[in-house]
Amino acid sequence: MASSSSYSSSPCAACKFLRRKCMPDCVFSPYFPPEETQKFVNVHKVFGASNVSKLLNEVPTYQREDAVNSLAFEAEARLKDPVYGCVGAISVLQRQVIRLQRELDATNANLIRYVYNEMPPRPPPPPPADQQSYGFCYPYQWTDPNEDNEGSNGGNM
């Protein structure tokens, strides 16, 4: 732990928050520097310092930084949305991918029609308000993207 010597004058964020002396072999000090107190506070609130310490001791040294970053991301997501955590963020991104894929398919169809000098169709009407998802979407609101495509455009693409 070469980086622990740089923290000898100031305790790491974990030891500062837990109000204990930061030892040179502190498992937290390389991953929770003194200026990132909120990162540790979030991880501690969700997972607990003892559990994080056990986890870091079980993970190989070269993977610890990734593990801490994953814990920090999940903790922040869990604090923002206690029920779904990062699953909520993932569902929003999945809905956005589905919407963008539909838009890309429609644009490609229009491009093919244009290349073959066909009249472009009228733009499709916007989806109903309950299907527009620019914010959070709960998993029970997910729909099968193939269901909508086959019924609404006759299976063009």
N, C-alpha and C. Protein backbone atom coordinates (compact mmCIF):
# COMPACT_ATOMS: atom_id res chain seq x y z
N MET A 1 0.83 -1.19 0.00
CA MET A 1 0.00 0.00 0.00
C MET A 1 0.87 1.24 0.00
N ALA A 2 1.40 1.54 -1.11
CA ALA A 2 2.29 2.69 -1.23
C ALA A 2 1.53 3.99 -1.02
N SER A 3 0.24 3.99 -1.40
CA SER A 3 -0.51 5.23 -1.30
C SER A 3 -0.89 5.58 0.14
N SER A 4 -0.79 4.63 1.07
CA SER A 4 -1.19 4.92 2.44
C SER A 4 -0.27 5.95 3.11
N SER A 5 0.98 6.06 2.64
CA SER A 5 1.88 7.04 3.23
C SER A 5 1.44 8.46 2.93
N SER A 6 0.76 8.66 1.79
CA SER A 6 0.30 10.01 1.46
C SER A 6 -0.86 10.43 2.34
N TYR A 7 -1.51 9.49 3.01
CA TYR A 7 -2.65 9.80 3.85
C TYR A 7 -2.28 9.83 5.33
N SER A 8 -0.99 9.73 5.65
CA SER A 8 -0.59 9.66 7.05
C SER A 8 -0.91 10.95 7.80
N SER A 9 -0.86 12.09 7.13
CA SER A 9 -1.16 13.34 7.81
C SER A 9 -2.67 13.57 7.95
N SER A 10 -3.44 13.04 7.03
CA SER A 10 -4.89 13.21 7.07
C SER A 10 -5.53 11.83 6.96
N PRO A 11 -6.48 11.52 7.84
CA PRO A 11 -7.10 10.20 7.77
C PRO A 11 -7.96 10.06 6.51
N CYS A 12 -8.14 8.84 6.05
CA CYS A 12 -8.99 8.61 4.90
C CYS A 12 -10.44 8.98 5.25
N ALA A 13 -11.29 9.05 4.24
CA ALA A 13 -12.68 9.45 4.46
C ALA A 13 -13.39 8.48 5.41
N ALA A 14 -13.06 7.20 5.30
CA ALA A 14 -13.72 6.20 6.16
C ALA A 14 -13.33 6.41 7.62
N CYS A 15 -12.03 6.54 7.87
CA CYS A 15 -11.59 6.71 9.26
C CYS A 15 -12.05 8.06 9.82
N LYS A 16 -12.08 9.07 8.98
CA LYS A 16 -12.57 10.38 9.41
C LYS A 16 -14.03 10.27 9.81
N PHE A 17 -14.85 9.61 8.99
CA PHE A 17 -16.27 9.48 9.27
C PHE A 17 -16.51 8.60 10.48
N LEU A 18 -15.76 7.52 10.59
CA LEU A 18 -15.93 6.58 11.71
C LEU A 18 -15.21 7.06 12.97
N ARG A 19 -14.50 8.17 12.87
CA ARG A 19 -13.78 8.78 13.99
C ARG A 19 -12.80 7.82 14.65
N ARG A 20 -11.97 7.26 13.80
CA ARG A 20 -10.94 6.39 14.32
C ARG A 20 -9.61 6.75 13.65
N LYS A 21 -8.54 6.29 14.26
CA LYS A 21 -7.22 6.58 13.74
C LYS A 21 -6.99 5.77 12.46
N CYS A 22 -6.50 6.44 11.43
CA CYS A 22 -6.24 5.78 10.16
C CYS A 22 -4.84 5.16 10.21
N MET A 23 -4.80 3.86 10.24
CA MET A 23 -3.54 3.13 10.32
C MET A 23 -2.91 3.01 8.92
N PRO A 24 -1.61 2.80 8.86
CA PRO A 24 -0.95 2.66 7.55
C PRO A 24 -1.49 1.51 6.71
N ASP A 25 -2.02 0.46 7.34
CA ASP A 25 -2.57 -0.67 6.59
C ASP A 25 -4.09 -0.60 6.45
N CYS A 26 -4.66 0.57 6.57
CA CYS A 26 -6.11 0.76 6.46
C CYS A 26 -6.59 0.29 5.08
N VAL A 27 -7.57 -0.60 5.08
CA VAL A 27 -8.07 -1.15 3.83
C VAL A 27 -8.86 -0.11 3.03
N PHE A 28 -9.38 0.92 3.70
CA PHE A 28 -10.19 1.93 3.04
C PHE A 28 -9.36 3.05 2.39
N SER A 29 -8.19 3.36 2.95
CA SER A 29 -7.46 4.57 2.55
C SER A 29 -7.14 4.67 1.06
N PRO A 30 -6.80 3.61 0.35
CA PRO A 30 -6.53 3.79 -1.08
C PRO A 30 -7.77 4.11 -1.91
N TYR A 31 -8.94 3.80 -1.39
CA TYR A 31 -10.16 3.90 -2.19
C TYR A 31 -11.11 5.01 -1.72
N PHE A 32 -10.90 5.51 -0.53
CA PHE A 32 -11.72 6.59 0.02
C PHE A 32 -10.81 7.70 0.53
N PRO A 33 -10.24 8.49 -0.38
CA PRO A 33 -9.35 9.57 0.05
C PRO A 33 -10.09 10.60 0.90
N PRO A 34 -9.37 11.41 1.66
CA PRO A 34 -10.01 12.36 2.58
C PRO A 34 -10.99 13.32 1.91
N GLU A 35 -10.74 13.67 0.66
CA GLU A 35 -11.62 14.65 -0.01
C GLU A 35 -12.90 14.01 -0.58
N GLU A 36 -13.04 12.70 -0.49
CA GLU A 36 -14.23 12.02 -1.00
C GLU A 36 -15.06 11.42 0.14
N THR A 37 -15.36 12.25 1.11
CA THR A 37 -16.10 11.79 2.29
C THR A 37 -17.48 11.29 1.92
N GLN A 38 -18.18 12.00 1.03
CA GLN A 38 -19.56 11.62 0.69
C GLN A 38 -19.62 10.25 0.03
N LYS A 39 -18.61 9.90 -0.72
CA LYS A 39 -18.55 8.58 -1.35
C LYS A 39 -18.58 7.50 -0.26
N PHE A 40 -17.78 7.67 0.78
CA PHE A 40 -17.79 6.67 1.86
C PHE A 40 -19.10 6.72 2.64
N VAL A 41 -19.61 7.92 2.90
CA VAL A 41 -20.86 8.04 3.67
C VAL A 41 -21.97 7.26 2.97
N ASN A 42 -22.08 7.40 1.65
CA ASN A 42 -23.12 6.68 0.91
C ASN A 42 -22.93 5.18 0.99
N VAL A 43 -21.70 4.72 0.78
CA VAL A 43 -21.41 3.29 0.84
C VAL A 43 -21.69 2.75 2.24
N HIS A 44 -21.30 3.51 3.25
CA HIS A 44 -21.52 3.09 4.64
C HIS A 44 -23.01 3.00 4.97
N LYS A 45 -23.81 3.97 4.50
CA LYS A 45 -25.25 3.96 4.78
C LYS A 45 -25.92 2.73 4.19
N VAL A 46 -25.51 2.34 3.00
CA VAL A 46 -26.18 1.24 2.31
C VAL A 46 -25.61 -0.13 2.72
N PHE A 47 -24.30 -0.24 2.77
CA PHE A 47 -23.69 -1.55 2.97
C PHE A 47 -23.08 -1.76 4.36
N GLY A 48 -22.69 -0.68 5.02
CA GLY A 48 -22.04 -0.79 6.33
C GLY A 48 -20.54 -0.96 6.19
N ALA A 49 -19.80 -0.30 7.06
CA ALA A 49 -18.34 -0.31 6.99
C ALA A 49 -17.78 -1.72 7.18
N SER A 50 -18.35 -2.47 8.08
CA SER A 50 -17.85 -3.82 8.35
C SER A 50 -17.99 -4.72 7.12
N ASN A 51 -19.15 -4.65 6.47
CA ASN A 51 -19.37 -5.47 5.28
C ASN A 51 -18.43 -5.06 4.15
N VAL A 52 -18.22 -3.76 3.98
CA VAL A 52 -17.32 -3.28 2.93
C VAL A 52 -15.90 -3.72 3.22
N SER A 53 -15.50 -3.65 4.48
CA SER A 53 -14.17 -4.09 4.86
C SER A 53 -13.98 -5.58 4.57
N LYS A 54 -14.95 -6.39 4.92
CA LYS A 54 -14.88 -7.83 4.64
C LYS A 54 -14.80 -8.09 3.13
N LEU A 55 -15.62 -7.37 2.38
CA LEU A 55 -15.63 -7.55 0.94
C LEU A 55 -14.28 -7.18 0.33
N LEU A 56 -13.73 -6.05 0.75
CA LEU A 56 -12.44 -5.62 0.21
C LEU A 56 -11.32 -6.59 0.56
N ASN A 57 -11.39 -7.20 1.72
CA ASN A 57 -10.37 -8.17 2.10
C ASN A 57 -10.49 -9.47 1.30
N GLU A 58 -11.69 -9.78 0.80
CA GLU A 58 -11.90 -11.00 0.02
C GLU A 58 -11.59 -10.81 -1.47
N VAL A 59 -11.66 -9.56 -1.94
CA VAL A 59 -11.44 -9.27 -3.36
C VAL A 59 -9.95 -9.14 -3.61
N PRO A 60 -9.45 -9.68 -4.73
CA PRO A 60 -8.03 -9.49 -5.05
C PRO A 60 -7.70 -8.00 -5.17
N THR A 61 -6.49 -7.65 -4.80
CA THR A 61 -6.07 -6.26 -4.75
C THR A 61 -6.30 -5.54 -6.07
N TYR A 62 -6.04 -6.18 -7.18
CA TYR A 62 -6.17 -5.51 -8.47
C TYR A 62 -7.63 -5.25 -8.85
N GLN A 63 -8.59 -5.84 -8.16
CA GLN A 63 -10.01 -5.63 -8.44
C GLN A 63 -10.70 -4.73 -7.42
N ARG A 64 -10.00 -4.32 -6.41
CA ARG A 64 -10.63 -3.57 -5.32
C ARG A 64 -11.16 -2.21 -5.77
N GLU A 65 -10.41 -1.53 -6.59
CA GLU A 65 -10.87 -0.21 -7.04
C GLU A 65 -12.18 -0.33 -7.82
N ASP A 66 -12.29 -1.32 -8.69
CA ASP A 66 -13.53 -1.55 -9.42
C ASP A 66 -14.67 -1.92 -8.47
N ALA A 67 -14.36 -2.72 -7.47
CA ALA A 67 -15.38 -3.11 -6.49
C ALA A 67 -15.89 -1.89 -5.73
N VAL A 68 -14.97 -1.02 -5.31
CA VAL A 68 -15.38 0.19 -4.58
C VAL A 68 -16.21 1.10 -5.48
N ASN A 69 -15.81 1.25 -6.74
CA ASN A 69 -16.58 2.09 -7.65
C ASN A 69 -17.98 1.52 -7.88
N SER A 70 -18.08 0.21 -7.97
CA SER A 70 -19.40 -0.42 -8.11
C SER A 70 -20.25 -0.22 -6.87
N LEU A 71 -19.64 -0.40 -5.71
CA LEU A 71 -20.37 -0.17 -4.46
C LEU A 71 -20.84 1.28 -4.35
N ALA A 72 -19.98 2.20 -4.73
CA ALA A 72 -20.34 3.62 -4.65
C ALA A 72 -21.48 3.95 -5.60
N PHE A 73 -21.45 3.39 -6.82
CA PHE A 73 -22.53 3.63 -7.78
C PHE A 73 -23.84 3.06 -7.27
N GLU A 74 -23.80 1.82 -6.82
CA GLU A 74 -25.02 1.18 -6.30
C GLU A 74 -25.54 1.91 -5.07
N ALA A 75 -24.66 2.34 -4.19
CA ALA A 75 -25.10 3.05 -2.98
C ALA A 75 -25.78 4.36 -3.35
N GLU A 76 -25.20 5.10 -4.28
CA GLU A 76 -25.82 6.37 -4.68
C GLU A 76 -27.18 6.13 -5.33
N ALA A 77 -27.26 5.12 -6.19
CA ALA A 77 -28.54 4.80 -6.83
C ALA A 77 -29.56 4.33 -5.80
N ARG A 78 -29.13 3.54 -4.83
CA ARG A 78 -30.02 3.01 -3.80
C ARG A 78 -30.54 4.13 -2.90
N LEU A 79 -29.70 5.14 -2.65
CA LEU A 79 -30.16 6.27 -1.83
C LEU A 79 -31.14 7.14 -2.59
N LYS A 80 -30.96 7.27 -3.90
CA LYS A 80 -31.90 8.04 -4.72
C LYS A 80 -33.22 7.30 -4.89
N ASP A 81 -33.15 5.99 -5.05
CA ASP A 81 -34.35 5.17 -5.24
C ASP A 81 -34.21 3.90 -4.40
N PRO A 82 -34.72 3.94 -3.16
CA PRO A 82 -34.53 2.82 -2.24
C PRO A 82 -35.14 1.50 -2.71
N VAL A 83 -36.12 1.54 -3.58
CA VAL A 83 -36.76 0.30 -4.01
C VAL A 83 -35.99 -0.37 -5.15
N TYR A 84 -35.70 0.37 -6.21
CA TYR A 84 -35.09 -0.23 -7.39
C TYR A 84 -33.59 0.01 -7.52
N GLY A 85 -33.06 1.01 -6.89
CA GLY A 85 -31.62 1.27 -6.98
C GLY A 85 -31.17 1.46 -8.41
N CYS A 86 -30.08 0.80 -8.78
CA CYS A 86 -29.55 0.99 -10.13
C CYS A 86 -30.41 0.29 -11.18
N VAL A 87 -31.29 -0.62 -10.77
CA VAL A 87 -32.20 -1.25 -11.72
C VAL A 87 -33.12 -0.21 -12.34
N GLY A 88 -33.51 0.79 -11.57
CA GLY A 88 -34.33 1.87 -12.11
C GLY A 88 -33.61 2.63 -13.20
N ALA A 89 -32.34 2.94 -12.96
CA ALA A 89 -31.54 3.65 -13.98
C ALA A 89 -31.37 2.78 -15.21
N ILE A 90 -31.16 1.49 -15.01
CA ILE A 90 -31.00 0.58 -16.14
C ILE A 90 -32.29 0.52 -16.96
N SER A 91 -33.43 0.50 -16.29
CA SER A 91 -34.71 0.43 -17.02
C SER A 91 -34.93 1.68 -17.84
N VAL A 92 -34.56 2.84 -17.32
CA VAL A 92 -34.68 4.08 -18.09
C VAL A 92 -33.82 4.00 -19.34
N LEU A 93 -32.61 3.51 -19.20
CA LEU A 93 -31.71 3.40 -20.34
C LEU A 93 -32.23 2.36 -21.35
N GLN A 94 -32.79 1.27 -20.87
CA GLN A 94 -33.35 0.27 -21.79
C GLN A 94 -34.51 0.85 -22.59
N ARG A 95 -35.37 1.60 -21.92
CA ARG A 95 -36.49 2.23 -22.64
C ARG A 95 -35.97 3.22 -23.68
N GLN A 96 -34.93 3.95 -23.34
CA GLN A 96 -34.36 4.90 -24.28
C GLN A 96 -33.76 4.17 -25.49
N VAL A 97 -33.11 3.04 -25.27
CA VAL A 97 -32.55 2.26 -26.37
C VAL A 97 -33.67 1.76 -27.28
N ILE A 98 -34.75 1.27 -26.70
CA ILE A 98 -35.89 0.79 -27.48
C ILE A 98 -36.46 1.92 -28.32
N ARG A 99 -36.65 3.09 -27.71
CA ARG A 99 -37.21 4.23 -28.42
C ARG A 99 -36.29 4.65 -29.56
N LEU A 100 -34.99 4.71 -29.30
CA LEU A 100 -34.03 5.12 -30.33
C LEU A 100 -33.93 4.07 -31.44
N GLN A 101 -34.06 2.79 -31.10
CA GLN A 101 -34.04 1.75 -32.12
C GLN A 101 -35.23 1.87 -33.05
N ARG A 102 -36.40 2.16 -32.47
CA ARG A 102 -37.60 2.37 -33.30
C ARG A 102 -37.41 3.57 -34.22
N GLU A 103 -36.86 4.64 -33.68
CA GLU A 103 -36.62 5.84 -34.47
C GLU A 103 -35.62 5.55 -35.60
N LEU A 104 -34.58 4.79 -35.31
CA LEU A 104 -33.60 4.42 -36.33
C LEU A 104 -34.23 3.54 -37.41
N ASP A 105 -35.06 2.59 -37.01
CA ASP A 105 -35.75 1.74 -37.99
C ASP A 105 -36.64 2.56 -38.91
N ALA A 106 -37.38 3.51 -38.34
CA ALA A 106 -38.25 4.36 -39.15
C ALA A 106 -37.43 5.23 -40.10
N THR A 107 -36.32 5.76 -39.63
CA THR A 107 -35.46 6.59 -40.48
C THR A 107 -34.86 5.77 -41.60
N ASN A 108 -34.41 4.55 -41.30
CA ASN A 108 -33.87 3.67 -42.34
C ASN A 108 -34.93 3.33 -43.38
N ALA A 109 -36.16 3.08 -42.94
CA ALA A 109 -37.25 2.79 -43.88
C ALA A 109 -37.51 4.00 -44.78
N ASN A 110 -37.50 5.19 -44.20
CA ASN A 110 -37.69 6.41 -45.00
C ASN A 110 -36.55 6.60 -45.99
N LEU A 111 -35.36 6.29 -45.59
CA LEU A 111 -34.19 6.42 -46.46
C LEU A 111 -34.30 5.46 -47.65
N ILE A 112 -34.71 4.25 -47.39
CA ILE A 112 -34.90 3.28 -48.47
C ILE A 112 -35.97 3.76 -49.43
N ARG A 113 -37.08 4.27 -48.91
CA ARG A 113 -38.14 4.80 -49.77
C ARG A 113 -37.64 5.97 -50.60
N TYR A 114 -36.85 6.82 -50.00
CA TYR A 114 -36.32 7.98 -50.71
C TYR A 114 -35.37 7.54 -51.83
N VAL A 115 -34.52 6.56 -51.55
CA VAL A 115 -33.57 6.06 -52.55
C VAL A 115 -34.32 5.49 -53.75
N TYR A 116 -35.43 4.83 -53.52
CA TYR A 116 -36.21 4.23 -54.60
C TYR A 116 -37.33 5.16 -55.08
N ASN A 117 -37.22 6.45 -54.77
CA ASN A 117 -38.16 7.50 -55.23
C ASN A 117 -39.60 7.22 -54.86
N GLU A 118 -39.83 6.63 -53.73
CA GLU A 118 -41.18 6.44 -53.24
C GLU A 118 -41.55 7.61 -52.36
N MET A 119 -42.83 7.83 -52.23
CA MET A 119 -43.31 8.89 -51.35
C MET A 119 -43.04 8.48 -49.91
N PRO A 120 -42.42 9.35 -49.13
CA PRO A 120 -42.24 9.01 -47.72
C PRO A 120 -43.58 9.02 -47.00
N PRO A 121 -43.77 8.10 -46.11
CA PRO A 121 -45.03 8.07 -45.37
C PRO A 121 -45.09 9.23 -44.38
N ARG A 122 -46.31 9.48 -43.95
CA ARG A 122 -46.46 10.50 -42.92
C ARG A 122 -45.73 10.03 -41.67
N PRO A 123 -45.19 10.96 -40.89
CA PRO A 123 -44.51 10.53 -39.66
C PRO A 123 -45.52 9.86 -38.72
N PRO A 124 -45.06 8.85 -38.00
CA PRO A 124 -45.98 8.16 -37.09
C PRO A 124 -46.40 9.10 -35.97
N PRO A 125 -47.62 8.89 -35.47
CA PRO A 125 -48.06 9.74 -34.35
C PRO A 125 -47.19 9.45 -33.13
N PRO A 126 -47.08 10.43 -32.25
CA PRO A 126 -46.28 10.20 -31.04
C PRO A 126 -46.94 9.10 -30.20
N PRO A 127 -46.13 8.37 -29.43
CA PRO A 127 -46.71 7.32 -28.59
C PRO A 127 -47.62 7.93 -27.53
N PRO A 128 -48.56 7.16 -27.03
CA PRO A 128 -49.43 7.66 -25.96
C PRO A 128 -48.60 8.16 -24.78
N ALA A 129 -49.17 9.07 -24.04
CA ALA A 129 -48.44 9.70 -22.92
C ALA A 129 -47.93 8.67 -21.92
N ASP A 130 -48.67 7.57 -21.73
CA ASP A 130 -48.22 6.59 -20.75
C ASP A 130 -47.03 5.77 -21.24
N GLN A 131 -46.70 5.84 -22.54
CA GLN A 131 -45.55 5.11 -23.06
C GLN A 131 -44.34 6.00 -23.25
N GLN A 132 -44.52 7.33 -23.16
CA GLN A 132 -43.38 8.22 -23.26
C GLN A 132 -42.64 8.16 -21.94
N SER A 133 -41.36 7.84 -22.00
CA SER A 133 -40.59 7.68 -20.78
C SER A 133 -39.31 8.48 -20.87
N TYR A 134 -39.36 9.69 -20.34
CA TYR A 134 -38.16 10.49 -20.28
C TYR A 134 -37.63 10.50 -18.86
N GLY A 135 -38.34 9.91 -17.96
CA GLY A 135 -37.92 9.85 -16.56
C GLY A 135 -37.82 8.41 -16.12
N PHE A 136 -38.24 8.14 -14.93
CA PHE A 136 -38.11 6.81 -14.34
C PHE A 136 -39.21 5.89 -14.84
N CYS A 137 -38.88 4.64 -15.03
CA CYS A 137 -39.83 3.63 -15.46
C CYS A 137 -39.69 2.42 -14.55
N TYR A 138 -40.76 1.98 -13.94
CA TYR A 138 -40.71 0.81 -13.08
C TYR A 138 -40.69 -0.45 -13.93
N PRO A 139 -40.03 -1.51 -13.46
CA PRO A 139 -39.94 -2.73 -14.26
C PRO A 139 -41.30 -3.30 -14.67
N TYR A 140 -42.35 -3.13 -13.87
CA TYR A 140 -43.64 -3.66 -14.26
C TYR A 140 -44.24 -2.89 -15.43
N GLN A 141 -43.65 -1.74 -15.81
CA GLN A 141 -44.13 -0.97 -16.94
C GLN A 141 -43.41 -1.34 -18.23
N TRP A 142 -42.44 -2.24 -18.15
CA TRP A 142 -41.70 -2.64 -19.34
C TRP A 142 -42.64 -3.36 -20.28
N THR A 143 -42.45 -3.13 -21.56
CA THR A 143 -43.22 -3.85 -22.56
C THR A 143 -42.26 -4.53 -23.50
N ASP A 144 -42.75 -5.55 -24.16
CA ASP A 144 -41.94 -6.25 -25.14
C ASP A 144 -41.89 -5.39 -26.40
N PRO A 145 -40.69 -4.96 -26.82
CA PRO A 145 -40.60 -4.08 -27.98
C PRO A 145 -41.10 -4.75 -29.25
N ASN A 146 -41.05 -6.06 -29.35
CA ASN A 146 -41.53 -6.76 -30.54
C ASN A 146 -43.05 -6.74 -30.64
N GLU A 147 -43.73 -6.68 -29.50
CA GLU A 147 -45.18 -6.61 -29.51
C GLU A 147 -45.66 -5.38 -30.23
N ASP A 148 -45.11 -4.22 -29.88
CA ASP A 148 -45.55 -2.95 -30.45
C ASP A 148 -45.19 -2.85 -31.93
N ASN A 149 -44.01 -3.32 -32.32
CA ASN A 149 -43.58 -3.18 -33.71
C ASN A 149 -44.46 -3.97 -34.66
N GLU A 150 -44.83 -5.20 -34.31
CA GLU A 150 -45.59 -6.02 -35.21
C GLU A 150 -47.01 -5.48 -35.37
N GLY A 151 -47.59 -4.96 -34.32
CA GLY A 151 -48.96 -4.49 -34.40
C GLY A 151 -49.10 -3.12 -35.01
N SER A 152 -48.12 -2.25 -34.84
CA SER A 152 -48.31 -0.86 -35.25
C SER A 152 -47.87 -0.57 -36.66
N ASN A 153 -46.83 -1.25 -37.18
CA ASN A 153 -46.39 -0.89 -38.52
C ASN A 153 -46.46 -2.07 -39.48
N GLY A 154 -47.16 -3.10 -39.11
CA GLY A 154 -47.36 -4.22 -40.02
C GLY A 154 -46.11 -5.06 -40.26
N GLY A 155 -45.12 -4.92 -39.43
CA GLY A 155 -43.90 -5.72 -39.56
C GLY A 155 -43.01 -5.27 -40.70
N ASN A 156 -42.94 -3.95 -40.96
CA ASN A 156 -42.14 -3.44 -42.07
C ASN A 156 -40.67 -3.77 -41.92
N MET A 157 -40.10 -3.63 -40.76
CA MET A 157 -38.66 -3.83 -40.63
C MET A 157 -38.44 -4.98 -39.75
